[in-house]
Amino acid sequence: MNVPRKPRPKQTGTFIGVRVQPEHLQPLDAWIAEHPEPRPSRPEAIREALTEHLKAKGYLK
């Protein structure tokens, strides 16, 4: 099944390799599972969570 994805960003971002411990990975996967299809990938879910957090703290508009 081909699922449409968001278009690739116009600029390449900076790669940040992050290891996620089980106490964070399991809740992340549960949060992803609650999303309707197409579900976000783990990296996309982390970017979304980071964006929401930075907006809530006033660092992003």
N, C-alpha and C. Protein backbone atom coordinates (compact mmCIF):
# COMPACT_ATOMS: atom_id res chain seq x y z
N MET A 1 0.85 -1.18 0.00
CA MET A 1 0.00 0.00 0.00
C MET A 1 0.89 1.24 0.00
N ASN A 2 0.75 2.09 -0.99
CA ASN A 2 1.50 3.34 -1.05
C ASN A 2 0.76 4.42 -0.28
N VAL A 3 1.46 4.99 0.70
CA VAL A 3 0.86 6.00 1.56
C VAL A 3 1.56 7.32 1.27
N PRO A 4 0.80 8.37 0.98
CA PRO A 4 1.44 9.66 0.70
C PRO A 4 2.14 10.19 1.95
N ARG A 5 3.31 10.73 1.76
CA ARG A 5 4.10 11.32 2.84
C ARG A 5 4.22 12.82 2.61
N LYS A 6 4.65 13.51 3.67
CA LYS A 6 4.91 14.94 3.52
C LYS A 6 6.04 15.13 2.52
N PRO A 7 6.02 16.22 1.77
CA PRO A 7 7.11 16.46 0.83
C PRO A 7 8.42 16.71 1.57
N ARG A 8 9.52 16.39 0.93
CA ARG A 8 10.84 16.61 1.51
C ARG A 8 11.05 18.11 1.72
N PRO A 9 11.65 18.49 2.85
CA PRO A 9 11.93 19.92 3.08
C PRO A 9 12.83 20.49 1.99
N LYS A 10 12.70 21.77 1.74
CA LYS A 10 13.48 22.42 0.69
C LYS A 10 14.96 22.51 1.04
N GLN A 11 15.30 22.48 2.32
CA GLN A 11 16.71 22.52 2.70
C GLN A 11 17.02 21.29 3.55
N THR A 12 18.25 20.83 3.46
CA THR A 12 18.69 19.69 4.23
C THR A 12 18.99 20.14 5.65
N GLY A 13 18.47 19.40 6.61
CA GLY A 13 18.71 19.75 8.01
C GLY A 13 20.03 19.19 8.50
N THR A 14 20.37 19.52 9.73
CA THR A 14 21.57 19.02 10.38
C THR A 14 21.26 17.69 11.03
N PHE A 15 22.07 16.68 10.74
CA PHE A 15 21.86 15.37 11.32
C PHE A 15 22.27 15.39 12.78
N ILE A 16 21.37 14.90 13.63
CA ILE A 16 21.65 14.73 15.06
C ILE A 16 21.28 13.30 15.40
N GLY A 17 22.27 12.47 15.64
CA GLY A 17 22.01 11.08 16.01
C GLY A 17 21.66 11.01 17.49
N VAL A 18 20.53 10.43 17.80
CA VAL A 18 20.07 10.36 19.19
C VAL A 18 19.68 8.92 19.51
N ARG A 19 20.20 8.41 20.60
CA ARG A 19 19.78 7.10 21.08
C ARG A 19 18.66 7.32 22.08
N VAL A 20 17.63 6.49 21.98
CA VAL A 20 16.46 6.62 22.85
C VAL A 20 16.37 5.40 23.74
N GLN A 21 16.27 5.64 25.03
CA GLN A 21 16.20 4.56 26.00
C GLN A 21 14.79 3.95 26.02
N PRO A 22 14.68 2.69 26.47
CA PRO A 22 13.36 2.01 26.46
C PRO A 22 12.25 2.77 27.19
N GLU A 23 12.60 3.49 28.26
CA GLU A 23 11.55 4.21 28.99
C GLU A 23 10.96 5.36 28.19
N HIS A 24 11.65 5.79 27.13
CA HIS A 24 11.11 6.81 26.24
C HIS A 24 10.58 6.20 24.94
N LEU A 25 11.19 5.11 24.52
CA LEU A 25 10.82 4.50 23.24
C LEU A 25 9.42 3.88 23.30
N GLN A 26 9.11 3.19 24.37
CA GLN A 26 7.79 2.57 24.47
C GLN A 26 6.66 3.60 24.47
N PRO A 27 6.75 4.68 25.25
CA PRO A 27 5.70 5.70 25.17
C PRO A 27 5.65 6.38 23.80
N LEU A 28 6.80 6.59 23.17
CA LEU A 28 6.83 7.18 21.84
C LEU A 28 6.09 6.30 20.85
N ASP A 29 6.36 5.00 20.89
CA ASP A 29 5.67 4.07 19.99
C ASP A 29 4.17 4.03 20.27
N ALA A 30 3.78 4.14 21.54
CA ALA A 30 2.35 4.16 21.89
C ALA A 30 1.70 5.42 21.33
N TRP A 31 2.40 6.55 21.42
CA TRP A 31 1.88 7.82 20.90
C TRP A 31 1.71 7.73 19.38
N ILE A 32 2.71 7.13 18.71
CA ILE A 32 2.63 6.95 17.26
C ILE A 32 1.45 6.07 16.89
N ALA A 33 1.23 5.00 17.65
CA ALA A 33 0.15 4.06 17.36
C ALA A 33 -1.22 4.71 17.46
N GLU A 34 -1.36 5.78 18.23
CA GLU A 34 -2.64 6.48 18.37
C GLU A 34 -2.95 7.35 17.16
N HIS A 35 -1.96 7.64 16.32
CA HIS A 35 -2.17 8.46 15.13
C HIS A 35 -2.90 7.67 14.05
N PRO A 36 -3.74 8.34 13.29
CA PRO A 36 -4.37 7.66 12.15
C PRO A 36 -3.34 7.43 11.05
N GLU A 37 -3.67 6.54 10.13
CA GLU A 37 -2.78 6.28 8.99
C GLU A 37 -2.72 7.51 8.10
N PRO A 38 -1.63 7.87 7.54
CA PRO A 38 -0.32 7.25 7.71
C PRO A 38 0.31 7.73 9.01
N ARG A 39 0.77 6.78 9.82
CA ARG A 39 1.40 7.12 11.09
C ARG A 39 2.78 7.73 10.83
N PRO A 40 3.17 8.65 11.72
CA PRO A 40 4.51 9.22 11.55
C PRO A 40 5.58 8.19 11.89
N SER A 41 6.74 8.34 11.29
CA SER A 41 7.89 7.52 11.65
C SER A 41 8.39 7.99 13.02
N ARG A 42 9.27 7.23 13.62
CA ARG A 42 9.84 7.67 14.89
C ARG A 42 10.53 9.02 14.76
N PRO A 43 11.39 9.22 13.74
CA PRO A 43 12.02 10.54 13.63
C PRO A 43 11.01 11.67 13.43
N GLU A 44 9.97 11.43 12.63
CA GLU A 44 8.96 12.47 12.41
C GLU A 44 8.20 12.75 13.70
N ALA A 45 7.90 11.72 14.47
CA ALA A 45 7.20 11.91 15.75
C ALA A 45 8.06 12.72 16.71
N ILE A 46 9.36 12.44 16.75
CA ILE A 46 10.26 13.20 17.62
C ILE A 46 10.32 14.66 17.16
N ARG A 47 10.40 14.89 15.84
CA ARG A 47 10.40 16.28 15.34
C ARG A 47 9.11 16.99 15.72
N GLU A 48 7.97 16.29 15.60
CA GLU A 48 6.68 16.89 15.96
C GLU A 48 6.63 17.23 17.44
N ALA A 49 7.08 16.32 18.29
CA ALA A 49 7.09 16.57 19.73
C ALA A 49 8.01 17.73 20.08
N LEU A 50 9.18 17.80 19.43
CA LEU A 50 10.11 18.90 19.67
C LEU A 50 9.49 20.23 19.25
N THR A 51 8.84 20.24 18.09
CA THR A 51 8.18 21.46 17.61
C THR A 51 7.11 21.92 18.59
N GLU A 52 6.27 21.00 19.05
CA GLU A 52 5.21 21.36 20.01
C GLU A 52 5.82 21.92 21.30
N HIS A 53 6.88 21.29 21.78
CA HIS A 53 7.52 21.75 23.02
C HIS A 53 8.11 23.14 22.84
N LEU A 54 8.83 23.35 21.74
CA LEU A 54 9.46 24.65 21.52
C LEU A 54 8.42 25.75 21.32
N LYS A 55 7.29 25.43 20.69
CA LYS A 55 6.20 26.42 20.56
C LYS A 55 5.62 26.74 21.93
N ALA A 56 5.39 25.72 22.75
CA ALA A 56 4.82 25.92 24.08
C ALA A 56 5.73 26.78 24.96
N LYS A 57 7.04 26.66 24.77
CA LYS A 57 8.00 27.44 25.55
C LYS A 57 8.29 28.81 24.95
N GLY A 58 7.71 29.09 23.76
CA GLY A 58 7.88 30.40 23.15
C GLY A 58 9.11 30.54 22.27
N TYR A 59 9.79 29.45 21.97
CA TYR A 59 10.98 29.53 21.12
C TYR A 59 10.64 29.47 19.65
N LEU A 60 9.47 28.96 19.32
CA LEU A 60 8.99 28.92 17.92
C LEU A 60 7.63 29.58 17.87
N LYS A 61 7.33 30.16 16.71
CA LYS A 61 6.02 30.80 16.55
C LYS A 61 5.10 29.87 15.81
